[in-house]
């Protein structure tokens, strides 16, 4: 399955916002850097916007953590209802026609809500309702959108996958030693 930039912008922003929750306390500078990195021009983060975006990230997290396809679709539908006022095609800056979920005149929070809800909806459609998840490493909590060829990702990063493999290996060693009476 081919995922390209135009259909990944919103889902990557959703992923980043949720991962800010997992990474610890929110900071307005980090949030501003994140939004700038996701092509929001000069985002001005007020304390109110910061609180509203944190609440939105908690709602986004429900999509990634949903138990099954039906729950995931319901969560995305709730986000669409609360985040998208209108959808329209545009060809700005000489680009090919593409969807926008928010108008430039909307507030920063409204635009973030619309872009993430719309992006998740497109991704869900293209990924057959799958490929969103929470890292399998215990105590990690980070989320991911799986764009791998096989679509069977279980970890947010190779680092977490490797750490989990090491933990499982050490657990097997420990169990083997205990069964031999080497460890008590």
N, C-alpha and C. Protein backbone atom coordinates (compact mmCIF):
# COMPACT_ATOMS: atom_id res chain seq x y z
N UNK A 1 0.84 -1.18 0.00
CA UNK A 1 0.00 0.00 0.00
C UNK A 1 0.89 1.24 0.00
N UNK A 2 0.55 2.19 -0.84
CA UNK A 2 1.33 3.42 -0.98
C UNK A 2 0.68 4.54 -0.17
N UNK A 3 1.42 5.12 0.74
CA UNK A 3 0.95 6.29 1.50
C UNK A 3 1.84 7.44 1.07
N UNK A 4 1.23 8.56 0.66
CA UNK A 4 2.05 9.69 0.24
C UNK A 4 1.87 10.87 1.17
N UNK A 5 2.63 11.92 0.95
CA UNK A 5 2.64 13.06 1.86
C UNK A 5 1.27 13.72 2.01
N UNK A 6 0.57 13.91 0.89
CA UNK A 6 -0.71 14.62 0.97
C UNK A 6 -1.71 13.94 1.87
N UNK A 7 -1.71 12.62 1.89
CA UNK A 7 -2.68 11.96 2.75
C UNK A 7 -2.12 11.60 4.12
N UNK A 8 -0.89 11.97 4.40
CA UNK A 8 -0.27 11.64 5.67
C UNK A 8 -0.10 12.83 6.63
N UNK A 9 -0.27 14.02 6.13
CA UNK A 9 -0.03 15.21 6.97
C UNK A 9 -0.86 15.18 8.26
N UNK A 10 -2.14 14.98 8.14
CA UNK A 10 -3.02 15.00 9.31
C UNK A 10 -2.77 13.86 10.28
N UNK A 11 -2.53 12.66 9.73
CA UNK A 11 -2.31 11.51 10.61
C UNK A 11 -0.96 11.63 11.33
N UNK A 12 0.05 12.17 10.67
CA UNK A 12 1.35 12.38 11.34
C UNK A 12 1.25 13.44 12.42
N UNK A 13 0.46 14.48 12.18
CA UNK A 13 0.24 15.49 13.22
C UNK A 13 -0.49 14.87 14.40
N UNK A 14 -1.51 14.07 14.14
CA UNK A 14 -2.25 13.39 15.22
C UNK A 14 -1.30 12.52 16.03
N UNK A 15 -0.47 11.76 15.34
CA UNK A 15 0.52 10.89 15.97
C UNK A 15 1.45 11.72 16.87
N UNK A 16 1.93 12.82 16.37
CA UNK A 16 2.86 13.68 17.13
C UNK A 16 2.20 14.28 18.37
N UNK A 17 0.96 14.73 18.24
CA UNK A 17 0.26 15.31 19.38
C UNK A 17 0.04 14.27 20.47
N UNK A 18 -0.39 13.09 20.08
CA UNK A 18 -0.61 12.03 21.07
C UNK A 18 0.71 11.64 21.72
N UNK A 19 1.78 11.58 20.95
CA UNK A 19 3.06 11.20 21.52
C UNK A 19 3.61 12.27 22.46
N UNK A 20 3.19 13.51 22.29
CA UNK A 20 3.56 14.54 23.26
C UNK A 20 2.97 14.21 24.63
N UNK A 21 1.77 13.62 24.64
CA UNK A 21 1.15 13.20 25.90
C UNK A 21 2.01 12.13 26.57
N UNK A 22 2.46 11.16 25.78
CA UNK A 22 3.24 10.04 26.31
C UNK A 22 4.62 10.48 26.77
N UNK A 23 5.13 11.54 26.17
CA UNK A 23 6.50 11.99 26.47
C UNK A 23 6.61 12.84 27.72
N UNK A 24 5.49 13.22 28.32
CA UNK A 24 5.57 14.00 29.55
C UNK A 24 4.79 15.29 29.47
N UNK A 25 5.08 16.20 30.38
CA UNK A 25 4.31 17.44 30.45
C UNK A 25 4.42 18.27 29.17
N UNK A 26 3.31 18.91 28.83
CA UNK A 26 3.29 19.76 27.63
C UNK A 26 3.96 21.07 27.93
N UNK A 27 4.64 21.58 26.96
CA UNK A 27 5.32 22.86 27.09
C UNK A 27 4.98 23.65 25.84
N UNK A 28 4.65 24.91 26.00
CA UNK A 28 4.18 25.71 24.86
C UNK A 28 5.26 25.83 23.77
N UNK A 29 6.53 25.89 24.16
CA UNK A 29 7.59 25.98 23.14
C UNK A 29 7.68 24.69 22.33
N UNK A 30 7.58 23.55 23.00
CA UNK A 30 7.63 22.27 22.28
C UNK A 30 6.41 22.14 21.37
N UNK A 31 5.25 22.57 21.85
CA UNK A 31 4.04 22.51 21.04
C UNK A 31 4.16 23.43 19.83
N UNK A 32 4.70 24.61 20.03
CA UNK A 32 4.91 25.54 18.92
C UNK A 32 5.88 24.94 17.90
N UNK A 33 6.96 24.34 18.36
CA UNK A 33 7.92 23.70 17.45
C UNK A 33 7.26 22.56 16.68
N UNK A 34 6.45 21.78 17.37
CA UNK A 34 5.76 20.66 16.72
C UNK A 34 4.85 21.17 15.61
N UNK A 35 4.06 22.19 15.90
CA UNK A 35 3.13 22.73 14.90
C UNK A 35 3.87 23.38 13.74
N UNK A 36 4.95 24.07 14.04
CA UNK A 36 5.76 24.66 12.98
C UNK A 36 6.34 23.56 12.09
N UNK A 37 6.78 22.48 12.71
CA UNK A 37 7.30 21.35 11.97
C UNK A 37 6.25 20.67 11.10
N UNK A 38 4.99 20.87 11.44
CA UNK A 38 3.88 20.31 10.65
C UNK A 38 3.24 21.39 9.77
N UNK A 39 4.02 22.39 9.43
CA UNK A 39 3.68 23.41 8.45
C UNK A 39 2.60 24.40 8.87
N UNK A 40 2.41 24.59 10.16
CA UNK A 40 1.55 25.67 10.61
C UNK A 40 2.43 26.90 10.71
N UNK A 41 2.06 27.94 9.99
CA UNK A 41 2.90 29.14 9.93
C UNK A 41 2.75 29.97 11.19
N UNK A 42 3.85 30.23 11.87
CA UNK A 42 3.93 31.08 13.06
C UNK A 42 2.79 30.81 14.05
N UNK A 43 2.66 29.58 14.53
CA UNK A 43 1.56 29.30 15.47
C UNK A 43 1.80 30.01 16.80
N UNK A 44 0.81 30.75 17.23
CA UNK A 44 0.88 31.46 18.51
C UNK A 44 0.13 30.62 19.53
N UNK A 45 0.84 30.08 20.50
CA UNK A 45 0.26 29.18 21.48
C UNK A 45 -0.10 29.97 22.74
N UNK A 46 -1.39 30.14 22.95
CA UNK A 46 -1.86 30.76 24.19
C UNK A 46 -2.12 29.64 25.20
N UNK A 47 -2.19 29.97 26.48
CA UNK A 47 -2.51 28.92 27.47
C UNK A 47 -3.84 28.21 27.15
N UNK A 48 -4.82 28.97 26.65
CA UNK A 48 -6.10 28.37 26.29
C UNK A 48 -5.93 27.38 25.13
N UNK A 49 -5.19 27.78 24.11
CA UNK A 49 -4.93 26.89 22.97
C UNK A 49 -4.18 25.64 23.43
N UNK A 50 -3.22 25.83 24.32
CA UNK A 50 -2.45 24.69 24.80
C UNK A 50 -3.37 23.69 25.50
N UNK A 51 -4.26 24.17 26.36
CA UNK A 51 -5.20 23.29 27.05
C UNK A 51 -6.15 22.60 26.07
N UNK A 52 -6.65 23.36 25.10
CA UNK A 52 -7.58 22.78 24.12
C UNK A 52 -6.89 21.74 23.25
N UNK A 53 -5.65 21.96 22.88
CA UNK A 53 -4.92 21.00 22.06
C UNK A 53 -4.56 19.75 22.86
N UNK A 54 -4.30 19.91 24.14
CA UNK A 54 -4.03 18.75 25.00
C UNK A 54 -5.29 17.89 25.10
N UNK A 55 -6.44 18.53 25.31
CA UNK A 55 -7.71 17.79 25.36
C UNK A 55 -7.97 17.08 24.03
N UNK A 56 -7.66 17.75 22.91
CA UNK A 56 -7.85 17.14 21.60
C UNK A 56 -6.92 15.94 21.43
N UNK A 57 -5.70 16.05 21.92
CA UNK A 57 -4.75 14.93 21.82
C UNK A 57 -5.26 13.72 22.59
N UNK A 58 -5.91 13.95 23.71
CA UNK A 58 -6.50 12.83 24.47
C UNK A 58 -7.59 12.16 23.63
N UNK A 59 -8.38 12.96 22.93
CA UNK A 59 -9.41 12.39 22.04
C UNK A 59 -8.77 11.65 20.86
N UNK A 60 -7.71 12.19 20.31
CA UNK A 60 -7.00 11.51 19.22
C UNK A 60 -6.46 10.16 19.67
N UNK A 61 -6.01 10.10 20.90
CA UNK A 61 -5.42 8.88 21.45
C UNK A 61 -6.42 7.72 21.40
N UNK A 62 -7.71 8.01 21.54
CA UNK A 62 -8.72 6.94 21.52
C UNK A 62 -8.75 6.22 20.18
N UNK A 63 -8.41 6.92 19.11
CA UNK A 63 -8.39 6.28 17.79
C UNK A 63 -7.27 5.26 17.72
N UNK A 64 -6.08 5.64 18.16
CA UNK A 64 -4.93 4.75 18.11
C UNK A 64 -5.09 3.55 19.05
N UNK A 65 -5.77 3.76 20.18
CA UNK A 65 -5.90 2.72 21.20
C UNK A 65 -7.16 1.88 21.03
N UNK A 66 -7.99 2.17 20.04
CA UNK A 66 -9.24 1.43 19.86
C UNK A 66 -8.98 -0.07 19.70
N UNK A 67 -9.87 -0.86 20.27
CA UNK A 67 -9.71 -2.32 20.28
C UNK A 67 -9.92 -2.97 18.92
N UNK A 68 -10.80 -2.38 18.12
CA UNK A 68 -11.11 -3.00 16.83
C UNK A 68 -11.50 -1.94 15.81
N UNK A 69 -11.74 -2.39 14.61
CA UNK A 69 -12.05 -1.50 13.49
C UNK A 69 -13.31 -0.68 13.76
N UNK A 70 -14.34 -1.29 14.30
CA UNK A 70 -15.59 -0.58 14.56
C UNK A 70 -15.40 0.53 15.58
N UNK A 71 -14.67 0.24 16.65
CA UNK A 71 -14.41 1.25 17.68
C UNK A 71 -13.55 2.38 17.12
N UNK A 72 -12.59 2.02 16.28
CA UNK A 72 -11.72 3.02 15.66
C UNK A 72 -12.53 3.94 14.75
N UNK A 73 -13.41 3.36 13.95
CA UNK A 73 -14.26 4.16 13.06
C UNK A 73 -15.18 5.08 13.86
N UNK A 74 -15.74 4.59 14.95
CA UNK A 74 -16.60 5.42 15.80
C UNK A 74 -15.82 6.59 16.39
N UNK A 75 -14.59 6.30 16.81
CA UNK A 75 -13.76 7.37 17.39
C UNK A 75 -13.42 8.42 16.33
N UNK A 76 -13.11 8.00 15.11
CA UNK A 76 -12.82 8.96 14.04
C UNK A 76 -14.07 9.75 13.69
N UNK A 77 -15.22 9.11 13.64
CA UNK A 77 -16.47 9.82 13.35
C UNK A 77 -16.75 10.89 14.40
N UNK A 78 -16.48 10.59 15.66
CA UNK A 78 -16.66 11.58 16.72
C UNK A 78 -15.71 12.76 16.53
N UNK A 79 -14.48 12.47 16.11
CA UNK A 79 -13.52 13.55 15.85
C UNK A 79 -13.97 14.40 14.66
N UNK A 80 -14.45 13.75 13.61
CA UNK A 80 -14.93 14.49 12.44
C UNK A 80 -16.09 15.41 12.82
N UNK A 81 -17.00 14.90 13.63
CA UNK A 81 -18.15 15.71 14.05
C UNK A 81 -17.72 16.91 14.87
N UNK A 82 -16.68 16.76 15.67
CA UNK A 82 -16.23 17.84 16.52
C UNK A 82 -15.13 18.69 15.93
N UNK A 83 -14.60 18.29 14.77
CA UNK A 83 -13.43 19.00 14.28
C UNK A 83 -13.49 19.54 12.87
N UNK A 84 -14.42 19.04 12.06
CA UNK A 84 -14.45 19.45 10.65
C UNK A 84 -15.75 20.19 10.36
N UNK A 85 -15.63 21.43 9.94
CA UNK A 85 -16.82 22.22 9.58
C UNK A 85 -17.17 22.06 8.12
N UNK A 86 -16.13 21.99 7.28
CA UNK A 86 -16.36 21.82 5.85
C UNK A 86 -15.12 21.22 5.22
N UNK A 87 -15.33 20.54 4.10
CA UNK A 87 -14.25 19.94 3.34
C UNK A 87 -14.30 20.54 1.95
N UNK A 88 -13.13 20.90 1.40
CA UNK A 88 -13.13 21.47 0.06
C UNK A 88 -11.84 21.13 -0.67
N UNK A 89 -11.92 21.12 -1.98
CA UNK A 89 -10.75 20.90 -2.84
C UNK A 89 -10.07 22.22 -3.11
N UNK A 90 -8.75 22.17 -3.21
CA UNK A 90 -8.00 23.38 -3.52
C UNK A 90 -6.80 23.02 -4.40
N UNK A 91 -6.29 24.02 -5.10
CA UNK A 91 -5.10 23.83 -5.95
C UNK A 91 -4.09 24.95 -5.69
N UNK A 92 -4.04 25.44 -4.46
CA UNK A 92 -3.14 26.56 -4.15
C UNK A 92 -1.68 26.23 -4.42
N UNK A 93 -0.91 27.26 -4.62
CA UNK A 93 0.54 27.16 -4.80
C UNK A 93 0.95 26.21 -5.93
N UNK A 94 0.12 26.10 -6.94
CA UNK A 94 0.44 25.26 -8.09
C UNK A 94 0.39 23.77 -7.83
N UNK A 95 -0.19 23.38 -6.71
CA UNK A 95 -0.27 21.95 -6.37
C UNK A 95 -1.44 21.30 -7.10
N UNK A 96 -1.40 20.00 -7.20
CA UNK A 96 -2.53 19.25 -7.74
C UNK A 96 -3.72 19.39 -6.79
N UNK A 97 -4.93 19.18 -7.27
CA UNK A 97 -6.09 19.27 -6.38
C UNK A 97 -5.93 18.35 -5.17
N UNK A 98 -6.22 18.89 -4.00
CA UNK A 98 -6.17 18.11 -2.77
C UNK A 98 -7.20 18.65 -1.79
N UNK A 99 -7.52 17.87 -0.78
CA UNK A 99 -8.54 18.23 0.20
C UNK A 99 -7.98 19.13 1.29
N UNK A 100 -8.81 20.06 1.70
CA UNK A 100 -8.55 20.84 2.91
C UNK A 100 -9.75 20.64 3.82
N UNK A 101 -9.49 20.57 5.10
CA UNK A 101 -10.54 20.35 6.08
C UNK A 101 -10.81 21.59 6.92
N UNK A 102 -10.03 22.64 6.69
CA UNK A 102 -10.21 23.89 7.44
C UNK A 102 -9.79 25.05 6.56
N UNK A 103 -10.39 26.16 6.80
CA UNK A 103 -10.07 27.39 6.10
C UNK A 103 -9.00 28.14 6.88
N UNK A 104 -8.18 28.89 6.20
CA UNK A 104 -7.11 29.65 6.85
C UNK A 104 -7.63 30.66 7.86
N UNK A 105 -8.90 31.05 7.75
CA UNK A 105 -9.47 32.03 8.67
C UNK A 105 -9.86 31.43 10.03
N UNK A 106 -9.84 30.12 10.15
CA UNK A 106 -10.21 29.48 11.41
C UNK A 106 -9.06 29.59 12.41
N UNK A 107 -9.38 29.41 13.69
CA UNK A 107 -8.35 29.52 14.72
C UNK A 107 -7.36 28.36 14.60
N UNK A 108 -6.24 28.50 15.25
CA UNK A 108 -5.22 27.47 15.24
C UNK A 108 -5.79 26.13 15.72
N UNK A 109 -6.52 26.15 16.81
CA UNK A 109 -7.09 24.92 17.36
C UNK A 109 -8.09 24.31 16.38
N UNK A 110 -8.93 25.13 15.77
CA UNK A 110 -9.89 24.61 14.79
C UNK A 110 -9.18 23.97 13.61
N UNK A 111 -8.11 24.59 13.16
CA UNK A 111 -7.36 24.02 12.03
C UNK A 111 -6.69 22.70 12.41
N UNK A 112 -6.10 22.64 13.60
CA UNK A 112 -5.46 21.40 14.05
C UNK A 112 -6.51 20.28 14.17
N UNK A 113 -7.64 20.60 14.76
CA UNK A 113 -8.71 19.60 14.89
C UNK A 113 -9.14 19.09 13.52
N UNK A 114 -9.36 20.00 12.60
CA UNK A 114 -9.84 19.62 11.27
C UNK A 114 -8.81 18.79 10.52
N UNK A 115 -7.56 19.21 10.54
CA UNK A 115 -6.50 18.51 9.81
C UNK A 115 -6.29 17.11 10.38
N UNK A 116 -6.29 16.98 11.70
CA UNK A 116 -6.06 15.66 12.29
C UNK A 116 -7.26 14.73 12.11
N UNK A 117 -8.46 15.24 12.30
CA UNK A 117 -9.65 14.40 12.12
C UNK A 117 -9.77 13.95 10.66
N UNK A 118 -9.60 14.90 9.74
CA UNK A 118 -9.68 14.56 8.32
C UNK A 118 -8.56 13.63 7.89
N UNK A 119 -7.35 13.87 8.38
CA UNK A 119 -6.22 13.02 8.05
C UNK A 119 -6.41 11.60 8.54
N UNK A 120 -6.93 11.45 9.76
CA UNK A 120 -7.18 10.11 10.28
C UNK A 120 -8.27 9.41 9.47
N UNK A 121 -9.29 10.15 9.06
CA UNK A 121 -10.37 9.56 8.25
C UNK A 121 -9.82 9.05 6.91
N UNK A 122 -9.00 9.85 6.26
CA UNK A 122 -8.41 9.42 4.98
C UNK A 122 -7.51 8.20 5.20
N UNK A 123 -6.68 8.25 6.23
CA UNK A 123 -5.78 7.13 6.50
C UNK A 123 -6.58 5.86 6.79
N UNK A 124 -7.64 5.98 7.58
CA UNK A 124 -8.47 4.82 7.90
C UNK A 124 -9.07 4.22 6.63
N UNK A 125 -9.49 5.07 5.73
CA UNK A 125 -10.07 4.60 4.47
C UNK A 125 -9.02 3.85 3.66
N UNK A 126 -7.85 4.44 3.53
CA UNK A 126 -6.79 3.84 2.72
C UNK A 126 -6.17 2.60 3.38
N UNK A 127 -6.23 2.53 4.71
CA UNK A 127 -5.61 1.41 5.43
C UNK A 127 -6.65 0.38 5.87
N UNK A 128 -7.84 0.45 5.30
CA UNK A 128 -8.90 -0.50 5.61
C UNK A 128 -9.21 -0.57 7.10
N UNK A 129 -9.12 0.57 7.78
CA UNK A 129 -9.46 0.63 9.19
C UNK A 129 -8.41 0.06 10.13
N UNK A 130 -7.27 -0.27 9.61
CA UNK A 130 -6.20 -0.87 10.41
C UNK A 130 -5.00 0.07 10.44
N UNK A 131 -3.88 -0.45 10.89
CA UNK A 131 -2.56 0.21 10.82
C UNK A 131 -2.37 1.39 11.77
N UNK A 132 -3.20 1.54 12.77
CA UNK A 132 -2.97 2.52 13.82
C UNK A 132 -2.81 1.74 15.11
N UNK A 133 -1.86 2.12 15.95
CA UNK A 133 -1.69 1.36 17.18
C UNK A 133 -0.90 2.08 18.24
N UNK A 134 -0.82 1.41 19.38
CA UNK A 134 -0.04 1.86 20.53
C UNK A 134 1.14 0.91 20.66
N UNK A 135 2.29 1.44 20.95
CA UNK A 135 3.51 0.66 21.06
C UNK A 135 3.32 -0.53 21.99
N UNK A 136 3.80 -1.70 21.57
CA UNK A 136 3.66 -2.94 22.34
C UNK A 136 4.63 -3.02 23.52
N UNK A 137 5.61 -2.13 23.57
CA UNK A 137 6.54 -2.14 24.70
C UNK A 137 5.81 -1.64 25.95
N UNK A 138 5.83 -2.47 26.98
CA UNK A 138 5.16 -2.09 28.22
C UNK A 138 5.72 -0.75 28.72
N UNK A 139 4.87 0.12 29.16
CA UNK A 139 5.21 1.43 29.72
C UNK A 139 5.67 2.47 28.68
N UNK A 140 5.58 2.17 27.38
CA UNK A 140 5.97 3.17 26.39
C UNK A 140 4.83 4.16 26.18
N UNK A 141 3.70 3.70 25.67
CA UNK A 141 2.54 4.57 25.49
C UNK A 141 2.52 5.40 24.22
N UNK A 142 3.60 5.37 23.44
CA UNK A 142 3.61 6.15 22.20
C UNK A 142 2.77 5.44 21.14
N UNK A 143 2.26 6.20 20.18
CA UNK A 143 1.40 5.66 19.14
C UNK A 143 2.11 5.73 17.78
N UNK A 144 1.53 5.04 16.79
CA UNK A 144 2.12 5.05 15.47
C UNK A 144 1.07 4.81 14.41
N UNK A 145 1.35 5.30 13.22
CA UNK A 145 0.59 4.99 12.01
C UNK A 145 1.52 4.14 11.16
N UNK A 146 1.12 2.91 10.94
CA UNK A 146 1.97 1.94 10.25
C UNK A 146 1.87 2.11 8.74
N UNK A 147 2.94 2.60 8.13
CA UNK A 147 2.98 2.74 6.68
C UNK A 147 3.96 1.75 6.06
N UNK A 148 4.32 0.73 6.83
CA UNK A 148 5.25 -0.28 6.32
C UNK A 148 4.57 -1.11 5.23
N UNK A 149 5.38 -1.75 4.44
CA UNK A 149 4.86 -2.57 3.34
C UNK A 149 3.96 -3.68 3.87
N UNK A 150 4.37 -4.36 4.92
CA UNK A 150 3.62 -5.50 5.44
C UNK A 150 2.46 -5.12 6.34
N UNK A 151 2.52 -3.95 6.95
CA UNK A 151 1.43 -3.48 7.80
C UNK A 151 1.27 -4.27 9.09
N UNK A 152 2.36 -4.78 9.65
CA UNK A 152 2.25 -5.57 10.88
C UNK A 152 3.11 -5.02 12.01
N UNK A 153 3.27 -3.72 12.02
CA UNK A 153 4.10 -3.06 13.02
C UNK A 153 3.47 -3.17 14.40
N UNK A 154 4.28 -3.36 15.44
CA UNK A 154 3.78 -3.46 16.80
C UNK A 154 4.42 -2.43 17.74
N UNK A 155 5.47 -1.77 17.28
CA UNK A 155 6.21 -0.84 18.12
C UNK A 155 6.27 0.53 17.47
N UNK A 156 6.42 1.56 18.29
CA UNK A 156 6.51 2.92 17.77
C UNK A 156 7.84 3.17 17.07
N UNK A 157 8.86 2.40 17.44
CA UNK A 157 10.20 2.59 16.87
C UNK A 157 10.98 1.29 16.94
N UNK A 158 12.06 1.23 16.18
CA UNK A 158 12.96 0.08 16.23
C UNK A 158 13.56 -0.03 17.63
N UNK A 159 13.81 1.10 18.25
CA UNK A 159 14.40 1.09 19.60
C UNK A 159 13.50 0.36 20.60
N UNK A 160 12.19 0.63 20.54
CA UNK A 160 11.26 -0.06 21.44
C UNK A 160 11.17 -1.54 21.10
N UNK A 161 11.17 -1.87 19.81
CA UNK A 161 11.14 -3.27 19.40
C UNK A 161 12.35 -4.02 19.90
N UNK A 162 13.51 -3.41 19.79
CA UNK A 162 14.75 -4.03 20.27
C UNK A 162 14.74 -4.17 21.79
N UNK A 163 14.28 -3.14 22.49
CA UNK A 163 14.23 -3.20 23.95
C UNK A 163 13.31 -4.32 24.42
N UNK A 164 12.18 -4.49 23.74
CA UNK A 164 11.25 -5.56 24.11
C UNK A 164 11.87 -6.93 23.84
N UNK A 165 12.58 -7.08 22.73
CA UNK A 165 13.23 -8.35 22.40
C UNK A 165 14.29 -8.69 23.45
N UNK A 166 15.04 -7.70 23.89
CA UNK A 166 16.05 -7.93 24.93
C UNK A 166 15.38 -8.35 26.23
N UNK A 167 14.28 -7.68 26.60
CA UNK A 167 13.56 -8.03 27.83
C UNK A 167 13.03 -9.46 27.77
N UNK A 168 12.48 -9.84 26.63
CA UNK A 168 11.97 -11.22 26.47
C UNK A 168 13.11 -12.22 26.56
N UNK A 169 14.23 -11.94 25.91
CA UNK A 169 15.39 -12.82 25.94
C UNK A 169 15.90 -13.00 27.37
N UNK A 170 16.06 -11.92 28.09
CA UNK A 170 16.55 -11.99 29.47
C UNK A 170 15.56 -12.74 30.36
N UNK A 171 14.27 -12.57 30.09
CA UNK A 171 13.25 -13.31 30.84
C UNK A 171 13.36 -14.81 30.60
N UNK A 172 13.61 -15.21 29.35
CA UNK A 172 13.79 -16.64 29.05
C UNK A 172 15.05 -17.18 29.72
N UNK A 173 16.13 -16.40 29.70
CA UNK A 173 17.36 -16.83 30.37
C UNK A 173 17.12 -17.02 31.87
N UNK A 174 16.46 -16.04 32.47
CA UNK A 174 16.18 -16.10 33.90
C UNK A 174 15.32 -17.32 34.23
N UNK A 175 14.30 -17.56 33.40
CA UNK A 175 13.42 -18.72 33.61
C UNK A 175 14.22 -20.01 33.48
N UNK A 176 15.11 -20.09 32.51
CA UNK A 176 15.94 -21.28 32.31
C UNK A 176 16.85 -21.54 33.49
N UNK A 177 17.47 -20.48 34.01
CA UNK A 177 18.36 -20.62 35.16
C UNK A 177 17.57 -21.06 36.38
N UNK A 178 16.38 -20.49 36.56
CA UNK A 178 15.56 -20.84 37.72
C UNK A 178 15.11 -22.30 37.63
N UNK A 179 14.78 -22.77 36.44
CA UNK A 179 14.34 -24.16 36.29
C UNK A 179 15.50 -25.13 36.54
N UNK A 180 16.71 -24.67 36.36
CA UNK A 180 17.91 -25.51 36.60
C UNK A 180 18.39 -25.37 38.06
N UNK A 181 17.73 -24.51 38.81
CA UNK A 181 18.11 -24.31 40.19
C UNK A 181 19.33 -23.43 40.38
N UNK A 182 19.76 -22.75 39.30
CA UNK A 182 20.92 -21.87 39.39
C UNK A 182 20.56 -20.59 40.15
N UNK A 183 19.39 -20.07 39.91
CA UNK A 183 18.91 -18.86 40.59
C UNK A 183 17.81 -19.27 41.56
N UNK A 184 17.77 -18.64 42.68
CA UNK A 184 16.69 -18.97 43.61
C UNK A 184 15.89 -17.75 43.93
